[in-house]
Amino acid sequence: MQSKVVTVTLNPALDKTITIPQLEVGGLNRVEQVRLDPGGKGINVAKVLKKFSVDVIATGFLGSEGEFLQRSLQKLGIKTDFINVPGVTRTNLKIVDNQTKFTTEINELGFVVLDEHLASFRKKLRHLLQNTAVLVLGGSLPRGVPPTIYADYISLAREYNVKTILDADGLALEEGIKACPFAVKPNVHELAGLMGRPLTTEKEIVAAGQELIKAGITIVVISRGSEGTIAMAKDEAYIVTPFSIIPQSTVGAGDSMVAAMAYAILQNKSLVETARLATVAGTVTASKPGTEVCSLNEVQLQLNKVQATWIEP
């Protein structure tokens, strides 16, 4: 198989989205709509990249009940190359409150991965990297997987001159950054957790991003929801203000940003172009219901609506 982008989802999920009139905690809730979608950060990124007409392969681990996930991706025209493991593919429940438009997420733990599965997957990844330009690593780790796993994959990708985008949280992010991925996309809460301090002002966020640049990361894109995006490289930094939307669902918004970053890297876009693409992609996806994601055409049509302002790096 040949691919421009490989997305890795070690802990995929079946995303079950239910829509209710108003969430009554501790009370009876009647469901208006139900939909089931393949989920997990890397899988969401692959869905967006397919809509961007990018050649992409989704890989990782799948447990039982993963056949639906794999079939769903294949119906979308996305190539898959997963390793099957014992245990059940987790179901992540997303409860959309129609009145507030808030989404409450309840995520299961997922299966346990053994050393033999990790060894098999590393061998598969090495094979895939031979025909890859960008590797996307994202999401939570299943039980049995060490927090250093992303760092290992980043180092492996470097052997093949593959640029890596890391979108993780907690210890997986902390350890992954030590291997210097090409790009990272933390949200402001994940970045604050990484730094071990609150980041409440633009100046504090920029200073935290600078630390990652100094550590050897080439591009840092920090998402801040409706407040926009801060994008940084060695000698430049921008804040991108999104256009106003009525948010329908935040599911996949951050993953759409990562997909836009991968697309921009393939297209050799500048930092400001990358930041604007990522911001619009996240905003368009947030304006869609459920787990629907943006298309390239939708993003291009809205690009002129976002403002990018130079800030002192």
C-alpha atoms as a PDB file:
ATOM      1  CA  MET A   1       0.000   0.000   0.000  1.00  0.00           C
ATOM      2  CA  GLN A   2       1.105   3.546  -0.694  1.00  0.00           C
ATOM      3  CA  SER A   3      -0.151   6.568   1.154  1.00  0.00           C
ATOM      4  CA  LYS A   4       0.582  10.224   1.684  1.00  0.00           C
ATOM      5  CA  VAL A   5      -0.792  10.224   5.244  1.00  0.00           C
ATOM      6  CA  VAL A   6      -1.066   7.468   7.847  1.00  0.00           C
ATOM      7  CA  THR A   7      -3.248   8.055  10.904  1.00  0.00           C
ATOM      8  CA  VAL A   8      -2.704   5.924  13.998  1.00  0.00           C
ATOM      9  CA  THR A   9      -5.585   5.246  16.396  1.00  0.00           C
ATOM     10  CA  LEU A  10      -4.462   2.856  19.119  1.00  0.00           C
ATOM     11  CA  ASN A  11      -7.723   3.097  21.079  1.00  0.00           C
ATOM     12  CA  PRO A  12     -10.516   3.489  18.485  1.00  0.00           C
ATOM     13  CA  ALA A  13     -14.174   3.681  19.380  1.00  0.00           C
ATOM     14  CA  LEU A  14     -17.680   3.335  18.133  1.00  0.00           C
ATOM     15  CA  ASP A  15     -19.078   6.838  18.616  1.00  0.00           C
ATOM     16  CA  LYS A  16     -22.710   6.596  19.655  1.00  0.00           C
ATOM     17  CA  THR A  17     -24.293  10.038  19.473  1.00  0.00           C
ATOM     18  CA  ILE A  18     -27.710  10.529  21.042  1.00  0.00           C
ATOM     19  CA  THR A  19     -29.661  13.763  20.815  1.00  0.00           C
ATOM     20  CA  ILE A  20     -32.088  14.689  23.581  1.00  0.00           C
ATOM     21  CA  PRO A  21     -34.305  17.776  24.094  1.00  0.00           C
ATOM     22  CA  GLN A  22     -32.603  18.754  27.362  1.00  0.00           C
ATOM     23  CA  LEU A  23     -30.266  16.767  29.619  1.00  0.00           C
ATOM     24  CA  GLU A  24     -31.934  16.003  32.932  1.00  0.00           C
ATOM     25  CA  VAL A  25     -29.207  14.788  35.304  1.00  0.00           C
ATOM     26  CA  GLY A  26     -30.696  12.171  37.618  1.00  0.00           C
ATOM     27  CA  GLY A  27     -33.960  12.180  35.666  1.00  0.00           C
ATOM     28  CA  LEU A  28     -35.519  10.471  32.665  1.00  0.00           C
ATOM     29  CA  ASN A  29     -34.178  11.435  29.241  1.00  0.00           C
ATOM     30  CA  ARG A  30     -35.933  10.474  26.023  1.00  0.00           C
ATOM     31  CA  VAL A  31     -33.817  10.165  22.914  1.00  0.00           C
ATOM     32  CA  GLU A  32     -34.767  12.028  19.718  1.00  0.00           C
ATOM     33  CA  GLN A  33     -31.981  10.767  17.441  1.00  0.00           C
ATOM     34  CA  VAL A  34     -29.284   8.080  17.529  1.00  0.00           C
ATOM     35  CA  ARG A  35     -26.340   7.588  15.194  1.00  0.00           C
ATOM     36  CA  LEU A  36     -23.309   5.311  15.269  1.00  0.00           C
ATOM     37  CA  ASP A  37     -20.006   6.354  13.681  1.00  0.00           C
ATOM     38  CA  PRO A  38     -16.410   5.150  13.626  1.00  0.00           C
ATOM     39  CA  GLY A  39     -14.512   7.217  16.211  1.00  0.00           C
ATOM     40  CA  GLY A  40     -11.129   8.007  17.666  1.00  0.00           C
ATOM     41  CA  LYS A  41      -8.817  10.925  16.869  1.00  0.00           C
ATOM     42  CA  GLY A  42      -6.858   9.314  14.043  1.00  0.00           C
ATOM     43  CA  ILE A  43     -10.020   7.905  12.485  1.00  0.00           C
ATOM     44  CA  ASN A  44     -11.696  11.327  12.563  1.00  0.00           C
ATOM     45  CA  VAL A  45      -8.591  12.842  10.962  1.00  0.00           C
ATOM     46  CA  ALA A  46      -8.746  10.200   8.209  1.00  0.00           C
ATOM     47  CA  LYS A  47     -12.422  11.038   7.541  1.00  0.00           C
ATOM     48  CA  VAL A  48     -11.562  14.702   7.032  1.00  0.00           C
ATOM     49  CA  LEU A  49      -8.492  13.960   4.899  1.00  0.00           C
ATOM     50  CA  LYS A  50     -10.625  11.771   2.634  1.00  0.00           C
ATOM     51  CA  LYS A  51     -12.962  14.751   2.156  1.00  0.00           C
ATOM     52  CA  PHE A  52      -9.850  16.782   1.303  1.00  0.00           C
ATOM     53  CA  SER A  53      -9.030  14.182  -1.428  1.00  0.00           C
ATOM     54  CA  VAL A  54      -5.850  13.143   0.397  1.00  0.00           C
ATOM     55  CA  ASP A  55      -4.620   9.561   0.095  1.00  0.00           C
ATOM     56  CA  VAL A  56      -4.857   8.253   3.669  1.00  0.00           C
ATOM     57  CA  ILE A  57      -4.605   4.956   5.535  1.00  0.00           C
ATOM     58  CA  ALA A  58      -6.153   4.492   8.983  1.00  0.00           C
ATOM     59  CA  THR A  59      -4.331   2.009  11.178  1.00  0.00           C
ATOM     60  CA  GLY A  60      -4.142   0.956  14.821  1.00  0.00           C
ATOM     61  CA  PHE A  61      -5.809  -1.750  16.898  1.00  0.00           C
ATOM     62  CA  LEU A  62      -9.335  -3.167  16.680  1.00  0.00           C
ATOM     63  CA  GLY A  63     -11.143  -5.425  19.118  1.00  0.00           C
ATOM     64  CA  SER A  64     -14.367  -7.335  18.615  1.00  0.00           C
ATOM     65  CA  GLU A  65     -17.249  -5.238  17.269  1.00  0.00           C
ATOM     66  CA  GLY A  66     -14.604  -3.413  15.272  1.00  0.00           C
ATOM     67  CA  GLU A  67     -15.954  -4.838  12.024  1.00  0.00           C
ATOM     68  CA  PHE A  68     -18.573  -2.076  11.921  1.00  0.00           C
ATOM     69  CA  LEU A  69     -15.869   0.527  12.327  1.00  0.00           C
ATOM     70  CA  GLN A  70     -13.738  -0.953   9.563  1.00  0.00           C
ATOM     71  CA  ARG A  71     -16.705  -1.383   7.179  1.00  0.00           C
ATOM     72  CA  SER A  72     -17.811   2.186   7.821  1.00  0.00           C
ATOM     73  CA  LEU A  73     -14.401   3.554   6.908  1.00  0.00           C
ATOM     74  CA  GLN A  74     -14.199   1.417   3.800  1.00  0.00           C
ATOM     75  CA  LYS A  75     -17.644   2.672   2.712  1.00  0.00           C
ATOM     76  CA  LEU A  76     -16.205   6.183   2.937  1.00  0.00           C
ATOM     77  CA  GLY A  77     -13.369   5.080   0.665  1.00  0.00           C
ATOM     78  CA  ILE A  78     -10.763   5.160   3.434  1.00  0.00           C
ATOM     79  CA  LYS A  79      -8.105   2.462   3.315  1.00  0.00           C
ATOM     80  CA  THR A  80      -7.627   0.575   6.591  1.00  0.00           C
ATOM     81  CA  ASP A  81      -4.847  -1.625   7.939  1.00  0.00           C
ATOM     82  CA  PHE A  82      -5.665  -2.497  11.557  1.00  0.00           C
ATOM     83  CA  ILE A  83      -4.357  -5.239  13.825  1.00  0.00           C
ATOM     84  CA  ASN A  84      -7.030  -7.274  15.626  1.00  0.00           C
ATOM     85  CA  VAL A  85      -6.673  -7.809  19.361  1.00  0.00           C
ATOM     86  CA  PRO A  86      -8.787  -9.677  21.936  1.00  0.00           C
ATOM     87  CA  GLY A  87     -11.371  -7.658  23.825  1.00  0.00           C
ATOM     88  CA  VAL A  88     -14.140  -5.308  22.798  1.00  0.00           C
ATOM     89  CA  THR A  89     -13.740  -2.100  20.813  1.00  0.00           C
ATOM     90  CA  ARG A  90     -15.024   0.568  23.166  1.00  0.00           C
ATOM     91  CA  THR A  91     -18.189   2.590  22.686  1.00  0.00           C
ATOM     92  CA  ASN A  92     -17.997   6.314  23.410  1.00  0.00           C
ATOM     93  CA  LEU A  93     -21.349   7.860  24.222  1.00  0.00           C
ATOM     94  CA  LYS A  94     -21.931  11.480  23.201  1.00  0.00           C
ATOM     95  CA  ILE A  95     -25.058  13.113  24.602  1.00  0.00           C
ATOM     96  CA  VAL A  96     -26.102  16.213  22.660  1.00  0.00           C
ATOM     97  CA  ASP A  97     -28.386  18.577  24.589  1.00  0.00           C
ATOM     98  CA  ASN A  98     -30.566  20.249  21.942  1.00  0.00           C
ATOM     99  CA  GLN A  99     -31.405  23.200  24.160  1.00  0.00           C
ATOM    100  CA  THR A 100     -27.898  24.225  25.297  1.00  0.00           C
ATOM    101  CA  LYS A 101     -26.085  22.626  22.331  1.00  0.00           C
ATOM    102  CA  PHE A 102     -23.598  21.200  24.854  1.00  0.00           C
ATOM    103  CA  THR A 103     -22.182  17.727  24.246  1.00  0.00           C
ATOM    104  CA  THR A 104     -21.510  15.440  27.219  1.00  0.00           C
ATOM    105  CA  GLU A 105     -19.022  12.657  26.452  1.00  0.00           C
ATOM    106  CA  ILE A 106     -18.765   9.339  28.299  1.00  0.00           C
ATOM    107  CA  ASN A 107     -15.772   7.336  27.080  1.00  0.00           C
ATOM    108  CA  GLU A 108     -15.117   3.673  27.861  1.00  0.00           C
ATOM    109  CA  LEU A 109     -11.645   2.296  28.624  1.00  0.00           C
ATOM    110  CA  GLY A 110     -11.351  -0.116  25.708  1.00  0.00           C
ATOM    111  CA  PHE A 111      -9.386  -3.345  25.276  1.00  0.00           C
ATOM    112  CA  VAL A 112      -6.012  -4.409  26.700  1.00  0.00           C
ATOM    113  CA  VAL A 113      -3.055  -4.574  24.300  1.00  0.00           C
ATOM    114  CA  LEU A 114      -0.330  -7.163  24.869  1.00  0.00           C
ATOM    115  CA  ASP A 115       3.392  -6.865  24.076  1.00  0.00           C
ATOM    116  CA  GLU A 116       3.021  -9.241  21.130  1.00  0.00           C
ATOM    117  CA  HIS A 117       0.400  -6.951  19.569  1.00  0.00           C
ATOM    118  CA  LEU A 118       2.640  -3.930  20.070  1.00  0.00           C
ATOM    119  CA  ALA A 119       5.492  -5.751  18.332  1.00  0.00           C
ATOM    120  CA  SER A 120       3.236  -6.710  15.397  1.00  0.00           C
ATOM    121  CA  PHE A 121       1.968  -3.169  15.050  1.00  0.00           C
ATOM    122  CA  ARG A 122       5.447  -1.634  15.130  1.00  0.00           C
ATOM    123  CA  LYS A 123       6.442  -3.953  12.287  1.00  0.00           C
ATOM    124  CA  LYS A 124       3.331  -2.907  10.315  1.00  0.00           C
ATOM    125  CA  LEU A 125       4.004   0.777  10.962  1.00  0.00           C
ATOM    126  CA  ARG A 126       7.589   0.470   9.772  1.00  0.00           C
ATOM    127  CA  HIS A 127       6.251  -1.001   6.511  1.00  0.00           C
ATOM    128  CA  LEU A 128       3.651   1.769   6.076  1.00  0.00           C
ATOM    129  CA  LEU A 129       6.159   4.546   6.755  1.00  0.00           C
ATOM    130  CA  GLN A 130       8.134   3.599   3.661  1.00  0.00           C
ATOM    131  CA  ASN A 131       5.461   5.267   1.482  1.00  0.00           C
ATOM    132  CA  THR A 132       4.271   8.015   3.807  1.00  0.00           C
ATOM    133  CA  ALA A 133       4.784  11.778   3.951  1.00  0.00           C
ATOM    134  CA  VAL A 134       2.932  12.588   7.184  1.00  0.00           C
ATOM    135  CA  LEU A 135       2.161  10.424  10.233  1.00  0.00           C
ATOM    136  CA  VAL A 136      -0.669  11.515  12.533  1.00  0.00           C
ATOM    137  CA  LEU A 137      -0.598  10.217  16.106  1.00  0.00           C
ATOM    138  CA  GLY A 138      -3.495  11.018  18.373  1.00  0.00           C
ATOM    139  CA  GLY A 139      -5.848  10.047  21.111  1.00  0.00           C
ATOM    140  CA  SER A 140      -5.834   8.064  24.319  1.00  0.00           C
ATOM    141  CA  LEU A 141      -3.800   4.921  24.862  1.00  0.00           C
ATOM    142  CA  PRO A 142      -5.434   1.553  25.539  1.00  0.00           C
ATOM    143  CA  ARG A 143      -4.491  -0.392  28.615  1.00  0.00           C
ATOM    144  CA  GLY A 144      -1.172  -2.209  28.261  1.00  0.00           C
ATOM    145  CA  VAL A 145       0.393   0.491  26.073  1.00  0.00           C
ATOM    146  CA  PRO A 146       3.273   2.480  27.641  1.00  0.00           C
ATOM    147  CA  PRO A 147       3.034   6.306  27.664  1.00  0.00           C
ATOM    148  CA  THR A 148       6.286   6.425  25.659  1.00  0.00           C
ATOM    149  CA  ILE A 149       4.649   4.780  22.623  1.00  0.00           C
ATOM    150  CA  TYR A 150       4.142   7.970  20.614  1.00  0.00           C
ATOM    151  CA  ALA A 151       7.747   8.986  21.244  1.00  0.00           C
ATOM    152  CA  ASP A 152       8.833   5.621  19.826  1.00  0.00           C
ATOM    153  CA  TYR A 153       6.678   6.075  16.709  1.00  0.00           C
ATOM    154  CA  ILE A 154       7.943   9.644  16.211  1.00  0.00           C
ATOM    155  CA  SER A 155      11.546   8.394  16.321  1.00  0.00           C
ATOM    156  CA  LEU A 156      10.653   5.558  13.932  1.00  0.00           C
ATOM    157  CA  ALA A 157       9.031   8.013  11.505  1.00  0.00           C
ATOM    158  CA  ARG A 158      12.162  10.163  11.549  1.00  0.00           C
ATOM    159  CA  GLU A 159      14.161   7.194  10.207  1.00  0.00           C
ATOM    160  CA  TYR A 160      11.989   7.414   7.060  1.00  0.00           C
ATOM    161  CA  ASN A 161      11.990  11.249   6.894  1.00  0.00           C
ATOM    162  CA  VAL A 162       8.274  11.254   7.715  1.00  0.00           C
ATOM    163  CA  LYS A 163       6.862  14.361   9.391  1.00  0.00           C
ATOM    164  CA  THR A 164       4.771  13.613  12.468  1.00  0.00           C
ATOM    165  CA  ILE A 165       1.803  15.492  13.946  1.00  0.00           C
ATOM    166  CA  LEU A 166       1.098  14.681  17.603  1.00  0.00           C
ATOM    167  CA  ASP A 167      -2.303  15.357  19.172  1.00  0.00           C
ATOM    168  CA  ALA A 168      -2.368  13.762  22.601  1.00  0.00           C
ATOM    169  CA  ASP A 169      -2.905  14.610  26.254  1.00  0.00           C
ATOM    170  CA  GLY A 170      -1.317  13.984  29.622  1.00  0.00           C
ATOM    171  CA  LEU A 171       1.680  11.681  29.907  1.00  0.00           C
ATOM    172  CA  ALA A 172       1.429  10.510  26.283  1.00  0.00           C
ATOM    173  CA  LEU A 173       1.838  14.138  25.161  1.00  0.00           C
ATOM    174  CA  GLU A 174       4.603  14.833  27.671  1.00  0.00           C
ATOM    175  CA  GLU A 175       6.615  11.790  26.596  1.00  0.00           C
ATOM    176  CA  GLY A 176       5.849  12.260  22.897  1.00  0.00           C
ATOM    177  CA  ILE A 177       7.197  15.801  22.869  1.00  0.00           C
ATOM    178  CA  LYS A 178      10.581  14.514  24.054  1.00  0.00           C
ATOM    179  CA  ALA A 179      10.979  12.843  20.634  1.00  0.00           C
ATOM    180  CA  CYS A 180      10.410  16.193  18.844  1.00  0.00           C
ATOM    181  CA  PRO A 181       7.477  15.616  16.476  1.00  0.00           C
ATOM    182  CA  PHE A 182       7.318  17.990  13.506  1.00  0.00           C
ATOM    183  CA  ALA A 183       4.037  19.538  14.747  1.00  0.00           C
ATOM    184  CA  VAL A 184       1.768  19.413  17.783  1.00  0.00           C
ATOM    185  CA  LYS A 185      -1.816  20.603  18.272  1.00  0.00           C
ATOM    186  CA  PRO A 186      -2.682  20.872  21.942  1.00  0.00           C
ATOM    187  CA  ASN A 187      -5.731  22.748  23.087  1.00  0.00           C
ATOM    188  CA  VAL A 188      -5.072  25.362  25.749  1.00  0.00           C
ATOM    189  CA  HIS A 189      -6.141  23.008  28.575  1.00  0.00           C
ATOM    190  CA  GLU A 190      -3.803  20.243  27.381  1.00  0.00           C
ATOM    191  CA  LEU A 191      -0.977  22.766  27.059  1.00  0.00           C
ATOM    192  CA  ALA A 192      -1.598  24.056  30.581  1.00  0.00           C
ATOM    193  CA  GLY A 193      -1.500  20.478  31.873  1.00  0.00           C
ATOM    194  CA  LEU A 194       1.764  19.883  30.039  1.00  0.00           C
ATOM    195  CA  MET A 195       3.319  23.042  31.471  1.00  0.00           C
ATOM    196  CA  GLY A 196       1.974  22.411  34.953  1.00  0.00           C
ATOM    197  CA  ARG A 197       0.646  25.956  35.263  1.00  0.00           C
ATOM    198  CA  PRO A 198      -2.518  27.883  34.321  1.00  0.00           C
ATOM    199  CA  LEU A 199      -2.495  29.658  30.966  1.00  0.00           C
ATOM    200  CA  THR A 200      -5.099  32.380  31.179  1.00  0.00           C
ATOM    201  CA  THR A 201      -3.670  35.168  29.022  1.00  0.00           C
ATOM    202  CA  GLU A 202      -2.523  35.290  25.412  1.00  0.00           C
ATOM    203  CA  LYS A 203       0.989  36.183  26.625  1.00  0.00           C
ATOM    204  CA  GLU A 204       1.134  33.088  28.857  1.00  0.00           C
ATOM    205  CA  ILE A 205      -0.078  30.830  26.026  1.00  0.00           C
ATOM    206  CA  VAL A 206       2.521  32.239  23.613  1.00  0.00           C
ATOM    207  CA  ALA A 207       5.278  31.755  26.210  1.00  0.00           C
ATOM    208  CA  ALA A 208       4.240  28.116  26.645  1.00  0.00           C
ATOM    209  CA  GLY A 209       4.239  27.606  22.872  1.00  0.00           C
ATOM    210  CA  GLN A 210       7.731  29.119  22.710  1.00  0.00           C
ATOM    211  CA  GLU A 211       8.968  26.468  25.113  1.00  0.00           C
ATOM    212  CA  LEU A 212       7.825  23.755  22.699  1.00  0.00           C
ATOM    213  CA  ILE A 213       9.491  25.521  19.757  1.00  0.00           C
ATOM    214  CA  LYS A 214      12.735  25.794  21.721  1.00  0.00           C
ATOM    215  CA  ALA A 215      12.463  22.054  22.463  1.00  0.00           C
ATOM    216  CA  GLY A 216      12.763  21.412  18.710  1.00  0.00           C
ATOM    217  CA  ILE A 217       9.162  21.241  17.472  1.00  0.00           C
ATOM    218  CA  THR A 218       8.723  23.034  14.134  1.00  0.00           C
ATOM    219  CA  ILE A 219       5.021  23.979  14.264  1.00  0.00           C
ATOM    220  CA  VAL A 220       2.831  24.492  17.327  1.00  0.00           C
ATOM    221  CA  VAL A 221      -0.892  25.084  16.796  1.00  0.00           C
ATOM    222  CA  ILE A 222      -2.821  25.829  19.979  1.00  0.00           C
ATOM    223  CA  SER A 223      -6.606  25.599  19.735  1.00  0.00           C
ATOM    224  CA  ARG A 224      -8.756  27.776  21.999  1.00  0.00           C
ATOM    225  CA  GLY A 225     -12.277  26.973  20.819  1.00  0.00           C
ATOM    226  CA  SER A 226     -14.333  30.045  19.971  1.00  0.00           C
ATOM    227  CA  GLU A 227     -11.386  32.286  20.914  1.00  0.00           C
ATOM    228  CA  GLY A 228      -9.451  31.043  17.919  1.00  0.00           C
ATOM    229  CA  THR A 229      -6.007  29.632  17.286  1.00  0.00           C
ATOM    230  CA  ILE A 230      -2.438  30.581  18.134  1.00  0.00           C
ATOM    231  CA  ALA A 231       0.094  29.180  15.657  1.00  0.00           C
ATOM    232  CA  MET A 232       3.836  29.379  16.197  1.00  0.00           C
ATOM    233  CA  ALA A 233       7.088  28.518  14.448  1.00  0.00           C
ATOM    234  CA  LYS A 234      10.686  29.499  15.187  1.00  0.00           C
ATOM    235  CA  ASP A 235      10.534  33.149  14.109  1.00  0.00           C
ATOM    236  CA  GLU A 236       6.827  33.821  13.652  1.00  0.00           C
ATOM    237  CA  ALA A 237       3.550  33.577  15.480  1.00  0.00           C
ATOM    238  CA  TYR A 238      -0.060  34.385  14.602  1.00  0.00           C
ATOM    239  CA  ILE A 239      -3.393  34.549  16.314  1.00  0.00           C
ATOM    240  CA  VAL A 240      -6.291  33.573  14.065  1.00  0.00           C
ATOM    241  CA  THR A 241      -9.778  34.745  14.984  1.00  0.00           C
ATOM    242  CA  PRO A 242     -12.598  32.475  13.754  1.00  0.00           C
ATOM    243  CA  PHE A 243     -15.890  33.641  12.298  1.00  0.00           C
ATOM    244  CA  SER A 244     -19.030  33.384  14.398  1.00  0.00           C
ATOM    245  CA  ILE A 245     -21.103  30.202  14.217  1.00  0.00           C
ATOM    246  CA  ILE A 246     -23.929  28.548  16.099  1.00  0.00           C
ATOM    247  CA  PRO A 247     -22.081  25.483  17.421  1.00  0.00           C
ATOM    248  CA  GLN A 248     -23.889  22.219  16.755  1.00  0.00           C
ATOM    249  CA  SER A 249     -21.318  19.724  18.032  1.00  0.00           C
ATOM    250  CA  THR A 250     -17.677  20.011  19.073  1.00  0.00           C
ATOM    251  CA  VAL A 251     -17.040  16.360  18.164  1.00  0.00           C
ATOM    252  CA  GLY A 252     -14.235  16.170  15.604  1.00  0.00           C
ATOM    253  CA  ALA A 253     -13.455  19.906  15.567  1.00  0.00           C
ATOM    254  CA  GLY A 254      -9.917  19.454  16.923  1.00  0.00           C
ATOM    255  CA  ASP A 255      -9.380  16.442  14.656  1.00  0.00           C
ATOM    256  CA  SER A 256     -10.449  18.559  11.670  1.00  0.00           C
ATOM    257  CA  MET A 257      -7.741  21.050  12.626  1.00  0.00           C
ATOM    258  CA  VAL A 258      -5.151  18.264  12.663  1.00  0.00           C
ATOM    259  CA  ALA A 259      -6.323  17.041   9.253  1.00  0.00           C
ATOM    260  CA  ALA A 260      -6.017  20.572   7.864  1.00  0.00           C
ATOM    261  CA  MET A 261      -2.487  20.769   9.282  1.00  0.00           C
ATOM    262  CA  ALA A 262      -1.563  17.500   7.543  1.00  0.00           C
ATOM    263  CA  TYR A 263      -3.042  18.811   4.300  1.00  0.00           C
ATOM    264  CA  ALA A 264      -1.096  22.066   4.668  1.00  0.00           C
ATOM    265  CA  ILE A 265       2.165  20.181   5.264  1.00  0.00           C
ATOM    266  CA  LEU A 266       1.591  18.114   2.109  1.00  0.00           C
ATOM    267  CA  GLN A 267       0.920  21.332   0.181  1.00  0.00           C
ATOM    268  CA  ASN A 268       3.977  23.124   1.653  1.00  0.00           C
ATOM    269  CA  LYS A 269       1.768  25.896   3.015  1.00  0.00           C
ATOM    270  CA  SER A 270       3.205  28.715   5.117  1.00  0.00           C
ATOM    271  CA  LEU A 271       2.545  28.939   8.861  1.00  0.00           C
ATOM    272  CA  VAL A 272      -0.131  31.608   8.429  1.00  0.00           C
ATOM    273  CA  GLU A 273      -1.872  29.578   5.699  1.00  0.00           C
ATOM    274  CA  THR A 274      -1.695  26.475   7.904  1.00  0.00           C
ATOM    275  CA  ALA A 275      -3.160  28.367  10.848  1.00  0.00           C
ATOM    276  CA  ARG A 276      -6.024  29.787   8.785  1.00  0.00           C
ATOM    277  CA  LEU A 277      -6.843  26.392   7.225  1.00  0.00           C
ATOM    278  CA  ALA A 278      -6.832  24.679  10.630  1.00  0.00           C
ATOM    279  CA  THR A 279      -8.989  27.355  12.241  1.00  0.00           C
ATOM    280  CA  VAL A 280     -11.597  27.283   9.477  1.00  0.00           C
ATOM    281  CA  ALA A 281     -11.666  23.469   9.403  1.00  0.00           C
ATOM    282  CA  GLY A 282     -12.323  23.298  13.148  1.00  0.00           C
ATOM    283  CA  THR A 283     -14.952  26.026  12.971  1.00  0.00           C
ATOM    284  CA  VAL A 284     -16.850  24.491  10.045  1.00  0.00           C
ATOM    285  CA  THR A 285     -16.926  21.080  11.730  1.00  0.00           C
ATOM    286  CA  ALA A 286     -18.159  22.626  14.997  1.00  0.00           C
ATOM    287  CA  SER A 287     -21.057  24.152  13.031  1.00  0.00           C
ATOM    288  CA  LYS A 288     -22.216  20.699  11.900  1.00  0.00           C
ATOM    289  CA  PRO A 289     -24.438  18.314  13.876  1.00  0.00           C
ATOM    290  CA  GLY A 290     -23.283  15.041  15.400  1.00  0.00           C
ATOM    291  CA  THR A 291     -20.077  13.653  13.990  1.00  0.00           C
ATOM    292  CA  GLU A 292     -20.226  15.307  10.558  1.00  0.00           C
ATOM    293  CA  VAL A 293     -16.958  16.885   9.417  1.00  0.00           C
ATOM    294  CA  CYS A 294     -15.898  19.647   7.035  1.00  0.00           C
ATOM    295  CA  SER A 295     -15.016  19.270   3.360  1.00  0.00           C
ATOM    296  CA  LEU A 296     -12.163  21.034   1.566  1.00  0.00           C
ATOM    297  CA  ASN A 297     -14.615  23.058  -0.512  1.00  0.00           C
ATOM    298  CA  GLU A 298     -16.418  24.304   2.611  1.00  0.00           C
ATOM    299  CA  VAL A 299     -13.104  25.303   4.183  1.00  0.00           C
ATOM    300  CA  GLN A 300     -11.864  27.135   1.077  1.00  0.00           C
ATOM    301  CA  LEU A 301     -15.137  29.053   0.772  1.00  0.00           C
ATOM    302  CA  GLN A 302     -14.776  30.375   4.335  1.00  0.00           C
ATOM    303  CA  LEU A 303     -11.032  31.138   4.367  1.00  0.00           C
ATOM    304  CA  ASN A 304     -11.535  34.837   3.712  1.00  0.00           C
ATOM    305  CA  LYS A 305     -13.679  35.099   6.857  1.00  0.00           C
ATOM    306  CA  VAL A 306     -10.796  34.543   9.293  1.00  0.00           C
ATOM    307  CA  GLN A 307      -8.246  37.140  10.299  1.00  0.00           C
ATOM    308  CA  ALA A 308      -4.627  36.256  11.044  1.00  0.00           C
ATOM    309  CA  THR A 309      -2.736  38.774  13.156  1.00  0.00           C
ATOM    310  CA  TRP A 310       1.023  38.721  13.626  1.00  0.00           C
ATOM    311  CA  ILE A 311       2.077  38.517  17.276  1.00  0.00           C
ATOM    312  CA  GLU A 312       5.557  38.876  18.685  1.00  0.00           C
ATOM    313  CA  PRO A 313       6.969  35.346  19.054  1.00  0.00           C
END
